[in-house]
Amino acid sequence: MVKIEKGPRAAAYPAPAALVSAYDENEKANAMTAAWISNICAEPSTVVVGIRENRYTFELVEKSGCFGVNIPNVAIAKETDYFGVVSGRDTDKFKDTGLTVFKGKEVNVPLINECPINIECKLIKQVKIGSHHAFFGEVLKVYYDEKMLDEKGAPDILLADVLAYGTGKYYSLKESIDAYGFSKRK
């Protein structure tokens, strides 16, 4: 196999094309598209998202101390992209796209109805790392669309048709290979 060497770059793909949401001081909902996001810890359940200082959502998360992580599906790919190319300082992205919000139950955060997965987070740590800050959020609640639950009631990302991101493009996920631990099953 031939390997082609490239310089340092973001290369841990695919990633979810998440919408990170927060309220402003007047409780106007805002969100931004982010691909720099990951589960980072199981106990306490924690996610991390990278946000540049110049993003409006950066200010809102820093001020409010909480944020939502909304995982979109392929059906709202265009809206998801739009949330990443315009600023909430200048426009009401929800009005422009028709996406709607519901309030989190644990902290004051807007969550996006049209996204099949919504994660309600309390900011627990912020670390500046180069061009971005890493915002660590303790997961307080997770909401799943009923349609993405399998026959046993477990979440299935294929049923949600989640949107992924990598190498400057959006992708859909098409199939499950097998369950965790399948390499050791007899």
N, C-alpha and C. Protein backbone atom coordinates (compact mmCIF):
# COMPACT_ATOMS: atom_id res chain seq x y z
N MET A 1 0.85 -1.18 0.00
CA MET A 1 0.00 0.00 0.00
C MET A 1 0.88 1.23 0.00
N VAL A 2 0.61 2.15 -0.89
CA VAL A 2 1.38 3.39 -0.99
C VAL A 2 0.72 4.45 -0.11
N LYS A 3 1.51 5.10 0.72
CA LYS A 3 1.03 6.19 1.58
C LYS A 3 1.55 7.51 1.04
N ILE A 4 0.69 8.52 1.02
CA ILE A 4 1.06 9.86 0.59
C ILE A 4 1.14 10.73 1.83
N GLU A 5 2.28 11.33 2.05
CA GLU A 5 2.50 12.15 3.24
C GLU A 5 1.98 13.57 3.02
N LYS A 6 1.26 14.08 4.02
CA LYS A 6 0.76 15.45 4.02
C LYS A 6 1.20 16.12 5.30
N GLY A 7 1.18 17.43 5.33
CA GLY A 7 1.52 18.17 6.54
C GLY A 7 0.43 18.04 7.59
N PRO A 8 0.67 18.61 8.77
CA PRO A 8 -0.33 18.54 9.84
C PRO A 8 -1.66 19.14 9.39
N ARG A 9 -2.74 18.45 9.69
CA ARG A 9 -4.08 18.91 9.33
C ARG A 9 -5.10 18.12 10.14
N ALA A 10 -6.33 18.62 10.18
CA ALA A 10 -7.42 17.87 10.79
C ALA A 10 -7.65 16.64 9.92
N ALA A 11 -7.57 15.46 10.50
CA ALA A 11 -7.69 14.24 9.71
C ALA A 11 -8.47 13.13 10.40
N ALA A 12 -9.01 13.39 11.57
CA ALA A 12 -9.79 12.37 12.29
C ALA A 12 -11.23 12.42 11.81
N TYR A 13 -11.46 11.85 10.62
CA TYR A 13 -12.78 11.88 10.00
C TYR A 13 -13.31 10.48 9.83
N PRO A 14 -14.61 10.28 9.69
CA PRO A 14 -15.65 11.31 9.69
C PRO A 14 -15.97 11.77 11.10
N ALA A 15 -16.66 12.88 11.17
CA ALA A 15 -17.13 13.45 12.43
C ALA A 15 -18.60 13.82 12.23
N PRO A 16 -19.34 13.92 13.33
CA PRO A 16 -20.72 14.40 13.14
C PRO A 16 -20.72 15.85 12.70
N ALA A 17 -21.64 16.20 11.84
CA ALA A 17 -21.84 17.60 11.46
C ALA A 17 -22.83 18.18 12.45
N ALA A 18 -22.34 18.52 13.62
CA ALA A 18 -23.21 18.93 14.72
C ALA A 18 -23.59 20.40 14.64
N LEU A 19 -24.72 20.73 15.25
CA LEU A 19 -25.14 22.11 15.43
C LEU A 19 -25.03 22.41 16.92
N VAL A 20 -24.14 23.32 17.28
CA VAL A 20 -23.93 23.69 18.68
C VAL A 20 -24.80 24.91 18.95
N SER A 21 -25.65 24.81 19.96
CA SER A 21 -26.66 25.85 20.19
C SER A 21 -26.53 26.48 21.57
N ALA A 22 -26.95 27.74 21.64
CA ALA A 22 -26.98 28.49 22.91
C ALA A 22 -27.92 29.68 22.74
N TYR A 23 -28.40 30.19 23.86
CA TYR A 23 -29.22 31.39 23.86
C TYR A 23 -28.37 32.62 24.07
N ASP A 24 -28.81 33.77 23.53
CA ASP A 24 -28.19 35.04 23.89
C ASP A 24 -28.86 35.57 25.15
N GLU A 25 -28.47 36.76 25.58
CA GLU A 25 -29.01 37.32 26.84
C GLU A 25 -30.50 37.62 26.76
N ASN A 26 -31.06 37.70 25.55
CA ASN A 26 -32.50 37.94 25.37
C ASN A 26 -33.27 36.66 25.06
N GLU A 27 -32.62 35.52 25.24
CA GLU A 27 -33.18 34.20 24.96
C GLU A 27 -33.53 34.00 23.49
N LYS A 28 -32.75 34.63 22.63
CA LYS A 28 -32.85 34.36 21.20
C LYS A 28 -31.91 33.19 20.91
N ALA A 29 -32.45 32.16 20.27
CA ALA A 29 -31.66 30.96 19.98
C ALA A 29 -30.66 31.22 18.86
N ASN A 30 -29.48 30.65 19.00
CA ASN A 30 -28.46 30.68 17.96
C ASN A 30 -27.80 29.31 17.93
N ALA A 31 -27.25 28.97 16.77
CA ALA A 31 -26.49 27.73 16.65
C ALA A 31 -25.46 27.90 15.54
N MET A 32 -24.42 27.09 15.59
CA MET A 32 -23.39 27.07 14.56
C MET A 32 -23.07 25.63 14.20
N THR A 33 -22.64 25.43 12.98
CA THR A 33 -22.21 24.11 12.54
C THR A 33 -20.80 23.88 13.05
N ALA A 34 -20.56 22.68 13.58
CA ALA A 34 -19.23 22.32 14.09
C ALA A 34 -18.94 20.86 13.76
N ALA A 35 -17.75 20.63 13.23
CA ALA A 35 -17.31 19.26 13.01
C ALA A 35 -16.26 18.86 14.04
N TRP A 36 -15.76 19.83 14.80
CA TRP A 36 -14.76 19.53 15.83
C TRP A 36 -15.49 19.16 17.11
N ILE A 37 -15.98 17.93 17.17
CA ILE A 37 -16.80 17.50 18.29
C ILE A 37 -16.63 16.01 18.53
N SER A 38 -16.65 15.63 19.83
CA SER A 38 -16.48 14.21 20.14
C SER A 38 -16.96 13.90 21.55
N ASN A 39 -17.38 12.66 21.74
CA ASN A 39 -17.52 12.13 23.09
C ASN A 39 -16.10 12.05 23.63
N ILE A 40 -15.93 12.37 24.93
CA ILE A 40 -14.57 12.38 25.46
C ILE A 40 -14.45 11.59 26.76
N CYS A 41 -15.58 11.36 27.44
CA CYS A 41 -15.54 10.65 28.71
C CYS A 41 -16.91 10.00 28.97
N ALA A 42 -16.87 8.82 29.61
CA ALA A 42 -18.12 8.12 29.91
C ALA A 42 -18.67 8.49 31.29
N GLU A 43 -17.80 8.70 32.25
CA GLU A 43 -18.25 9.02 33.61
C GLU A 43 -17.41 10.15 34.19
N PRO A 44 -17.93 11.37 34.27
CA PRO A 44 -19.27 11.72 33.82
C PRO A 44 -19.32 11.79 32.29
N SER A 45 -20.46 11.51 31.75
CA SER A 45 -20.64 11.57 30.30
C SER A 45 -20.32 13.00 29.86
N THR A 46 -19.33 13.12 28.95
CA THR A 46 -18.82 14.43 28.56
C THR A 46 -18.54 14.46 27.06
N VAL A 47 -18.85 15.59 26.46
CA VAL A 47 -18.49 15.85 25.06
C VAL A 47 -17.55 17.05 25.02
N VAL A 48 -16.81 17.17 23.93
CA VAL A 48 -15.95 18.32 23.72
C VAL A 48 -16.22 18.87 22.33
N VAL A 49 -16.26 20.18 22.25
CA VAL A 49 -16.46 20.84 20.95
C VAL A 49 -15.43 21.96 20.83
N GLY A 50 -14.83 22.07 19.64
CA GLY A 50 -13.88 23.14 19.38
C GLY A 50 -14.56 24.30 18.68
N ILE A 51 -14.39 25.51 19.23
CA ILE A 51 -15.02 26.70 18.66
C ILE A 51 -13.99 27.83 18.62
N ARG A 52 -13.93 28.52 17.50
CA ARG A 52 -13.04 29.68 17.36
C ARG A 52 -13.58 30.86 18.17
N GLU A 53 -12.68 31.68 18.69
CA GLU A 53 -13.05 32.85 19.50
C GLU A 53 -13.92 33.85 18.74
N ASN A 54 -13.77 33.95 17.44
CA ASN A 54 -14.51 34.97 16.69
C ASN A 54 -15.94 34.54 16.36
N ARG A 55 -16.32 33.33 16.71
CA ARG A 55 -17.68 32.86 16.43
C ARG A 55 -18.64 33.40 17.48
N TYR A 56 -19.81 33.80 17.06
CA TYR A 56 -20.84 34.32 17.96
C TYR A 56 -21.23 33.27 19.00
N THR A 57 -21.32 32.04 18.60
CA THR A 57 -21.68 30.96 19.53
C THR A 57 -20.64 30.84 20.64
N PHE A 58 -19.38 31.12 20.36
CA PHE A 58 -18.32 31.11 21.37
C PHE A 58 -18.72 32.02 22.53
N GLU A 59 -19.10 33.26 22.20
CA GLU A 59 -19.51 34.23 23.23
C GLU A 59 -20.70 33.71 24.04
N LEU A 60 -21.68 33.15 23.34
CA LEU A 60 -22.91 32.72 24.01
C LEU A 60 -22.65 31.56 24.96
N VAL A 61 -21.84 30.62 24.54
CA VAL A 61 -21.52 29.47 25.41
C VAL A 61 -20.71 29.94 26.61
N GLU A 62 -19.74 30.80 26.37
CA GLU A 62 -18.91 31.31 27.45
C GLU A 62 -19.75 32.06 28.49
N LYS A 63 -20.70 32.89 28.02
CA LYS A 63 -21.54 33.68 28.93
C LYS A 63 -22.57 32.83 29.65
N SER A 64 -23.20 31.90 28.94
CA SER A 64 -24.31 31.13 29.53
C SER A 64 -23.85 29.95 30.36
N GLY A 65 -22.67 29.41 30.06
CA GLY A 65 -22.18 28.25 30.80
C GLY A 65 -22.87 26.95 30.41
N CYS A 66 -23.52 26.94 29.26
CA CYS A 66 -24.17 25.71 28.79
C CYS A 66 -24.30 25.76 27.28
N PHE A 67 -24.55 24.59 26.68
CA PHE A 67 -24.73 24.53 25.24
C PHE A 67 -25.44 23.24 24.88
N GLY A 68 -26.00 23.24 23.68
CA GLY A 68 -26.62 22.04 23.13
C GLY A 68 -25.78 21.51 21.99
N VAL A 69 -25.75 20.20 21.86
CA VAL A 69 -25.15 19.56 20.70
C VAL A 69 -26.29 18.84 19.99
N ASN A 70 -26.55 19.25 18.77
CA ASN A 70 -27.68 18.72 18.00
C ASN A 70 -27.11 18.01 16.79
N ILE A 71 -27.42 16.73 16.64
CA ILE A 71 -26.89 15.95 15.53
C ILE A 71 -27.95 15.91 14.43
N PRO A 72 -27.68 16.57 13.30
CA PRO A 72 -28.67 16.63 12.22
C PRO A 72 -28.70 15.35 11.39
N ASN A 73 -29.74 15.24 10.59
CA ASN A 73 -29.81 14.14 9.63
C ASN A 73 -29.65 14.69 8.22
N VAL A 74 -29.62 13.78 7.26
CA VAL A 74 -29.42 14.16 5.86
C VAL A 74 -30.53 15.10 5.37
N ALA A 75 -31.74 14.93 5.89
CA ALA A 75 -32.87 15.76 5.45
C ALA A 75 -32.65 17.25 5.67
N ILE A 76 -31.83 17.61 6.65
CA ILE A 76 -31.58 19.04 6.90
C ILE A 76 -30.11 19.39 6.63
N ALA A 77 -29.50 18.73 5.67
CA ALA A 77 -28.10 19.01 5.31
C ALA A 77 -27.91 20.46 4.86
N LYS A 78 -28.82 20.97 4.03
CA LYS A 78 -28.69 22.35 3.53
C LYS A 78 -28.77 23.35 4.68
N GLU A 79 -29.71 23.15 5.59
CA GLU A 79 -29.85 24.03 6.74
C GLU A 79 -28.62 23.94 7.64
N THR A 80 -28.10 22.73 7.81
CA THR A 80 -26.90 22.53 8.63
C THR A 80 -25.73 23.31 8.06
N ASP A 81 -25.53 23.23 6.76
CA ASP A 81 -24.46 23.98 6.11
C ASP A 81 -24.67 25.48 6.30
N TYR A 82 -25.91 25.95 6.13
CA TYR A 82 -26.22 27.38 6.27
C TYR A 82 -25.84 27.89 7.66
N PHE A 83 -26.08 27.09 8.70
CA PHE A 83 -25.77 27.50 10.06
C PHE A 83 -24.26 27.70 10.26
N GLY A 84 -23.46 27.16 9.35
CA GLY A 84 -22.01 27.32 9.45
C GLY A 84 -21.43 28.42 8.59
N VAL A 85 -22.23 28.98 7.69
CA VAL A 85 -21.68 29.98 6.76
C VAL A 85 -22.23 31.39 6.98
N VAL A 86 -23.19 31.56 7.89
CA VAL A 86 -23.67 32.89 8.25
C VAL A 86 -23.54 33.06 9.77
N SER A 87 -23.49 34.29 10.22
CA SER A 87 -23.33 34.56 11.65
C SER A 87 -24.66 34.94 12.30
N GLY A 88 -24.87 34.42 13.49
CA GLY A 88 -26.04 34.79 14.28
C GLY A 88 -25.98 36.23 14.76
N ARG A 89 -24.83 36.87 14.66
CA ARG A 89 -24.75 38.30 14.98
C ARG A 89 -25.55 39.12 13.97
N ASP A 90 -25.60 38.61 12.73
CA ASP A 90 -26.18 39.35 11.62
C ASP A 90 -27.55 38.88 11.18
N THR A 91 -27.92 37.66 11.52
CA THR A 91 -29.17 37.10 11.01
C THR A 91 -29.76 36.11 12.01
N ASP A 92 -31.05 35.89 11.91
CA ASP A 92 -31.73 34.88 12.71
C ASP A 92 -31.76 33.59 11.87
N LYS A 93 -30.84 32.72 12.15
CA LYS A 93 -30.70 31.49 11.36
C LYS A 93 -31.95 30.62 11.43
N PHE A 94 -32.62 30.62 12.58
CA PHE A 94 -33.83 29.81 12.72
C PHE A 94 -34.96 30.37 11.86
N LYS A 95 -35.10 31.68 11.84
CA LYS A 95 -36.12 32.30 10.99
C LYS A 95 -35.80 32.03 9.51
N ASP A 96 -34.54 32.15 9.15
CA ASP A 96 -34.12 31.95 7.76
C ASP A 96 -34.36 30.52 7.27
N THR A 97 -34.16 29.55 8.13
CA THR A 97 -34.24 28.14 7.71
C THR A 97 -35.55 27.45 8.05
N GLY A 98 -36.30 28.00 9.01
CA GLY A 98 -37.53 27.34 9.45
C GLY A 98 -37.31 26.28 10.50
N LEU A 99 -36.06 26.04 10.92
CA LEU A 99 -35.82 25.09 12.00
C LEU A 99 -36.37 25.66 13.30
N THR A 100 -36.77 24.78 14.20
CA THR A 100 -37.42 25.20 15.45
C THR A 100 -36.69 24.63 16.66
N VAL A 101 -36.93 25.24 17.82
CA VAL A 101 -36.23 24.82 19.03
C VAL A 101 -37.21 24.43 20.14
N PHE A 102 -36.69 23.61 21.05
CA PHE A 102 -37.34 23.37 22.33
C PHE A 102 -36.29 23.59 23.40
N LYS A 103 -36.75 23.92 24.62
CA LYS A 103 -35.82 24.23 25.70
C LYS A 103 -35.37 22.97 26.41
N GLY A 104 -34.10 22.97 26.79
CA GLY A 104 -33.57 21.91 27.62
C GLY A 104 -34.26 21.92 28.97
N LYS A 105 -34.23 20.79 29.64
CA LYS A 105 -34.90 20.67 30.94
C LYS A 105 -33.96 20.92 32.12
N GLU A 106 -32.66 20.74 31.92
CA GLU A 106 -31.70 20.86 33.02
C GLU A 106 -31.02 22.22 33.07
N VAL A 107 -30.73 22.79 31.89
CA VAL A 107 -30.12 24.12 31.79
C VAL A 107 -30.84 24.88 30.69
N ASN A 108 -30.64 26.20 30.67
CA ASN A 108 -31.33 27.05 29.70
C ASN A 108 -30.60 27.02 28.36
N VAL A 109 -30.96 26.05 27.56
CA VAL A 109 -30.31 25.88 26.26
C VAL A 109 -31.35 25.53 25.21
N PRO A 110 -31.22 26.11 23.99
CA PRO A 110 -32.13 25.74 22.91
C PRO A 110 -31.65 24.46 22.24
N LEU A 111 -32.57 23.56 21.96
CA LEU A 111 -32.26 22.31 21.25
C LEU A 111 -33.12 22.28 19.99
N ILE A 112 -32.61 21.69 18.94
CA ILE A 112 -33.24 21.80 17.62
C ILE A 112 -34.15 20.60 17.35
N ASN A 113 -35.44 20.88 17.21
CA ASN A 113 -36.46 19.85 17.00
C ASN A 113 -36.16 18.93 15.82
N GLU A 114 -35.70 19.48 14.73
CA GLU A 114 -35.51 18.71 13.50
C GLU A 114 -34.30 17.78 13.54
N CYS A 115 -33.45 17.90 14.54
CA CYS A 115 -32.29 17.02 14.69
C CYS A 115 -32.71 15.76 15.46
N PRO A 116 -32.35 14.57 14.98
CA PRO A 116 -32.77 13.35 15.65
C PRO A 116 -32.10 13.09 17.00
N ILE A 117 -30.98 13.76 17.26
CA ILE A 117 -30.29 13.61 18.54
C ILE A 117 -29.99 15.00 19.09
N ASN A 118 -30.34 15.22 20.36
CA ASN A 118 -30.06 16.48 21.04
C ASN A 118 -29.39 16.16 22.37
N ILE A 119 -28.29 16.85 22.64
CA ILE A 119 -27.52 16.62 23.86
C ILE A 119 -27.45 17.93 24.63
N GLU A 120 -27.96 17.89 25.84
CA GLU A 120 -28.01 19.07 26.70
C GLU A 120 -26.77 19.05 27.61
N CYS A 121 -25.97 20.11 27.55
CA CYS A 121 -24.68 20.12 28.24
C CYS A 121 -24.49 21.33 29.15
N LYS A 122 -23.81 21.07 30.27
CA LYS A 122 -23.35 22.13 31.17
C LYS A 122 -21.85 22.27 30.95
N LEU A 123 -21.38 23.49 30.69
CA LEU A 123 -19.96 23.74 30.47
C LEU A 123 -19.20 23.45 31.76
N ILE A 124 -18.20 22.56 31.67
CA ILE A 124 -17.41 22.24 32.86
C ILE A 124 -15.96 22.67 32.75
N LYS A 125 -15.50 22.93 31.53
CA LYS A 125 -14.12 23.36 31.35
C LYS A 125 -13.96 23.96 29.96
N GLN A 126 -13.05 24.92 29.88
CA GLN A 126 -12.73 25.55 28.60
C GLN A 126 -11.21 25.67 28.52
N VAL A 127 -10.64 25.22 27.41
CA VAL A 127 -9.19 25.25 27.24
C VAL A 127 -8.85 25.82 25.87
N LYS A 128 -7.99 26.83 25.83
CA LYS A 128 -7.54 27.39 24.54
C LYS A 128 -6.47 26.45 23.97
N ILE A 129 -6.71 26.03 22.72
CA ILE A 129 -5.75 25.17 22.04
C ILE A 129 -5.58 25.73 20.64
N GLY A 130 -4.59 26.53 20.42
CA GLY A 130 -4.34 27.09 19.09
C GLY A 130 -5.48 27.97 18.61
N SER A 131 -5.98 27.68 17.41
CA SER A 131 -7.01 28.51 16.79
C SER A 131 -8.39 28.36 17.42
N HIS A 132 -8.60 27.33 18.22
CA HIS A 132 -9.90 27.04 18.83
C HIS A 132 -9.79 26.92 20.35
N HIS A 133 -10.93 27.04 20.98
CA HIS A 133 -11.05 26.68 22.39
C HIS A 133 -11.81 25.36 22.44
N ALA A 134 -11.40 24.48 23.33
CA ALA A 134 -12.12 23.23 23.57
C ALA A 134 -13.10 23.50 24.71
N PHE A 135 -14.39 23.34 24.42
CA PHE A 135 -15.44 23.48 25.43
C PHE A 135 -15.86 22.07 25.84
N PHE A 136 -15.65 21.73 27.09
CA PHE A 136 -16.03 20.43 27.61
C PHE A 136 -17.40 20.57 28.27
N GLY A 137 -18.34 19.75 27.85
CA GLY A 137 -19.70 19.82 28.39
C GLY A 137 -20.11 18.52 29.03
N GLU A 138 -20.52 18.61 30.29
CA GLU A 138 -21.09 17.43 30.94
C GLU A 138 -22.48 17.20 30.36
N VAL A 139 -22.73 16.00 29.90
CA VAL A 139 -24.02 15.66 29.31
C VAL A 139 -25.04 15.50 30.44
N LEU A 140 -26.07 16.33 30.40
CA LEU A 140 -27.11 16.29 31.43
C LEU A 140 -28.32 15.47 30.97
N LYS A 141 -28.65 15.56 29.69
CA LYS A 141 -29.76 14.79 29.11
C LYS A 141 -29.50 14.60 27.63
N VAL A 142 -30.00 13.48 27.12
CA VAL A 142 -29.96 13.21 25.68
C VAL A 142 -31.39 12.94 25.24
N TYR A 143 -31.77 13.52 24.12
CA TYR A 143 -33.10 13.34 23.55
C TYR A 143 -32.94 12.67 22.18
N TYR A 144 -33.73 11.62 21.93
CA TYR A 144 -33.71 10.91 20.65
C TYR A 144 -35.08 10.98 20.01
N ASP A 145 -35.12 11.18 18.69
CA ASP A 145 -36.37 11.04 17.97
C ASP A 145 -36.82 9.59 18.07
N GLU A 146 -38.08 9.41 18.32
CA GLU A 146 -38.67 8.08 18.44
C GLU A 146 -38.37 7.21 17.22
N LYS A 147 -38.34 7.83 16.04
CA LYS A 147 -38.12 7.09 14.78
C LYS A 147 -36.74 6.46 14.68
N MET A 148 -35.80 6.90 15.52
CA MET A 148 -34.45 6.34 15.42
C MET A 148 -34.18 5.24 16.45
N LEU A 149 -35.22 4.84 17.16
CA LEU A 149 -35.07 3.75 18.13
C LEU A 149 -35.40 2.42 17.46
N ASP A 150 -34.56 1.41 17.72
CA ASP A 150 -34.80 0.09 17.12
C ASP A 150 -35.90 -0.65 17.88
N GLU A 151 -36.13 -1.89 17.50
CA GLU A 151 -37.22 -2.67 18.11
C GLU A 151 -37.02 -2.91 19.60
N LYS A 152 -35.79 -2.77 20.09
CA LYS A 152 -35.51 -2.92 21.53
C LYS A 152 -35.51 -1.58 22.26
N GLY A 153 -35.74 -0.50 21.54
CA GLY A 153 -35.76 0.83 22.14
C GLY A 153 -34.38 1.48 22.22
N ALA A 154 -33.39 0.89 21.57
CA ALA A 154 -32.03 1.44 21.59
C ALA A 154 -31.83 2.37 20.39
N PRO A 155 -31.07 3.46 20.56
CA PRO A 155 -30.81 4.37 19.45
C PRO A 155 -30.02 3.68 18.34
N ASP A 156 -30.36 3.97 17.09
CA ASP A 156 -29.67 3.43 15.93
C ASP A 156 -29.41 4.59 14.98
N ILE A 157 -28.15 4.97 14.80
CA ILE A 157 -27.85 6.14 13.98
C ILE A 157 -28.21 5.94 12.52
N LEU A 158 -28.29 4.70 12.06
CA LEU A 158 -28.72 4.48 10.68
C LEU A 158 -30.20 4.81 10.50
N LEU A 159 -31.00 4.51 11.52
CA LEU A 159 -32.42 4.87 11.46
C LEU A 159 -32.61 6.39 11.48
N ALA A 160 -31.65 7.09 12.08
CA ALA A 160 -31.71 8.55 12.14
C ALA A 160 -31.19 9.19 10.86
N ASP A 161 -30.46 8.44 10.06
CA ASP A 161 -29.85 8.96 8.83
C ASP A 161 -29.00 10.19 9.13
N VAL A 162 -28.13 10.05 10.16
CA VAL A 162 -27.32 11.19 10.61
C VAL A 162 -26.37 11.67 9.53
N LEU A 163 -26.04 12.93 9.62
CA LEU A 163 -25.16 13.59 8.68
C LEU A 163 -23.74 13.58 9.25
N ALA A 164 -22.77 13.18 8.43
CA ALA A 164 -21.36 13.18 8.83
C ALA A 164 -20.61 14.21 8.01
N TYR A 165 -19.41 14.55 8.48
CA TYR A 165 -18.59 15.54 7.80
C TYR A 165 -17.16 15.03 7.74
N GLY A 166 -16.48 15.33 6.65
CA GLY A 166 -15.06 15.00 6.54
C GLY A 166 -14.49 15.51 5.24
N THR A 167 -13.24 15.91 5.28
CA THR A 167 -12.51 16.39 4.10
C THR A 167 -13.27 17.45 3.31
N GLY A 168 -13.97 18.33 4.04
CA GLY A 168 -14.67 19.44 3.40
C GLY A 168 -16.00 19.09 2.76
N LYS A 169 -16.53 17.90 3.03
CA LYS A 169 -17.80 17.47 2.44
C LYS A 169 -18.70 16.83 3.50
N TYR A 170 -19.99 16.82 3.20
CA TYR A 170 -20.98 16.14 4.04
C TYR A 170 -21.23 14.75 3.48
N TYR A 171 -21.51 13.79 4.39
CA TYR A 171 -21.74 12.40 3.99
C TYR A 171 -22.92 11.82 4.75
N SER A 172 -23.52 10.80 4.16
CA SER A 172 -24.50 10.00 4.88
C SER A 172 -23.83 8.69 5.24
N LEU A 173 -24.36 8.04 6.26
CA LEU A 173 -23.84 6.72 6.67
C LEU A 173 -24.80 5.68 6.12
N LYS A 174 -24.28 4.62 5.52
CA LYS A 174 -25.13 3.68 4.80
C LYS A 174 -25.38 2.34 5.47
N GLU A 175 -24.41 1.81 6.23
CA GLU A 175 -24.65 0.49 6.80
C GLU A 175 -23.87 0.27 8.08
N SER A 176 -24.37 -0.64 8.88
CA SER A 176 -23.69 -1.08 10.08
C SER A 176 -22.87 -2.33 9.73
N ILE A 177 -21.65 -2.41 10.20
CA ILE A 177 -20.80 -3.57 9.94
C ILE A 177 -21.09 -4.68 10.95
N ASP A 178 -21.10 -4.33 12.24
CA ASP A 178 -21.41 -5.27 13.31
C ASP A 178 -21.36 -4.50 14.63
N ALA A 179 -21.65 -5.16 15.72
CA ALA A 179 -21.68 -4.53 17.04
C ALA A 179 -20.30 -4.59 17.71
N TYR A 180 -20.08 -3.66 18.63
CA TYR A 180 -18.85 -3.61 19.41
C TYR A 180 -18.56 -5.00 19.98
N GLY A 181 -17.32 -5.42 19.89
CA GLY A 181 -16.91 -6.73 20.42
C GLY A 181 -17.06 -7.88 19.46
N PHE A 182 -17.50 -7.63 18.22
CA PHE A 182 -17.75 -8.72 17.27
C PHE A 182 -16.48 -9.50 16.94
N SER A 183 -15.32 -8.90 17.09
CA SER A 183 -14.06 -9.59 16.77
C SER A 183 -13.76 -10.73 17.72
N LYS A 184 -14.36 -10.70 18.90
CA LYS A 184 -14.11 -11.74 19.91
C LYS A 184 -15.28 -12.73 20.05
N ARG A 185 -16.37 -12.45 19.35
CA ARG A 185 -17.52 -13.35 19.44
C ARG A 185 -17.20 -14.66 18.73
N LYS A 186 -17.74 -15.73 19.25
CA LYS A 186 -17.54 -17.04 18.60
C LYS A 186 -18.75 -17.39 17.80
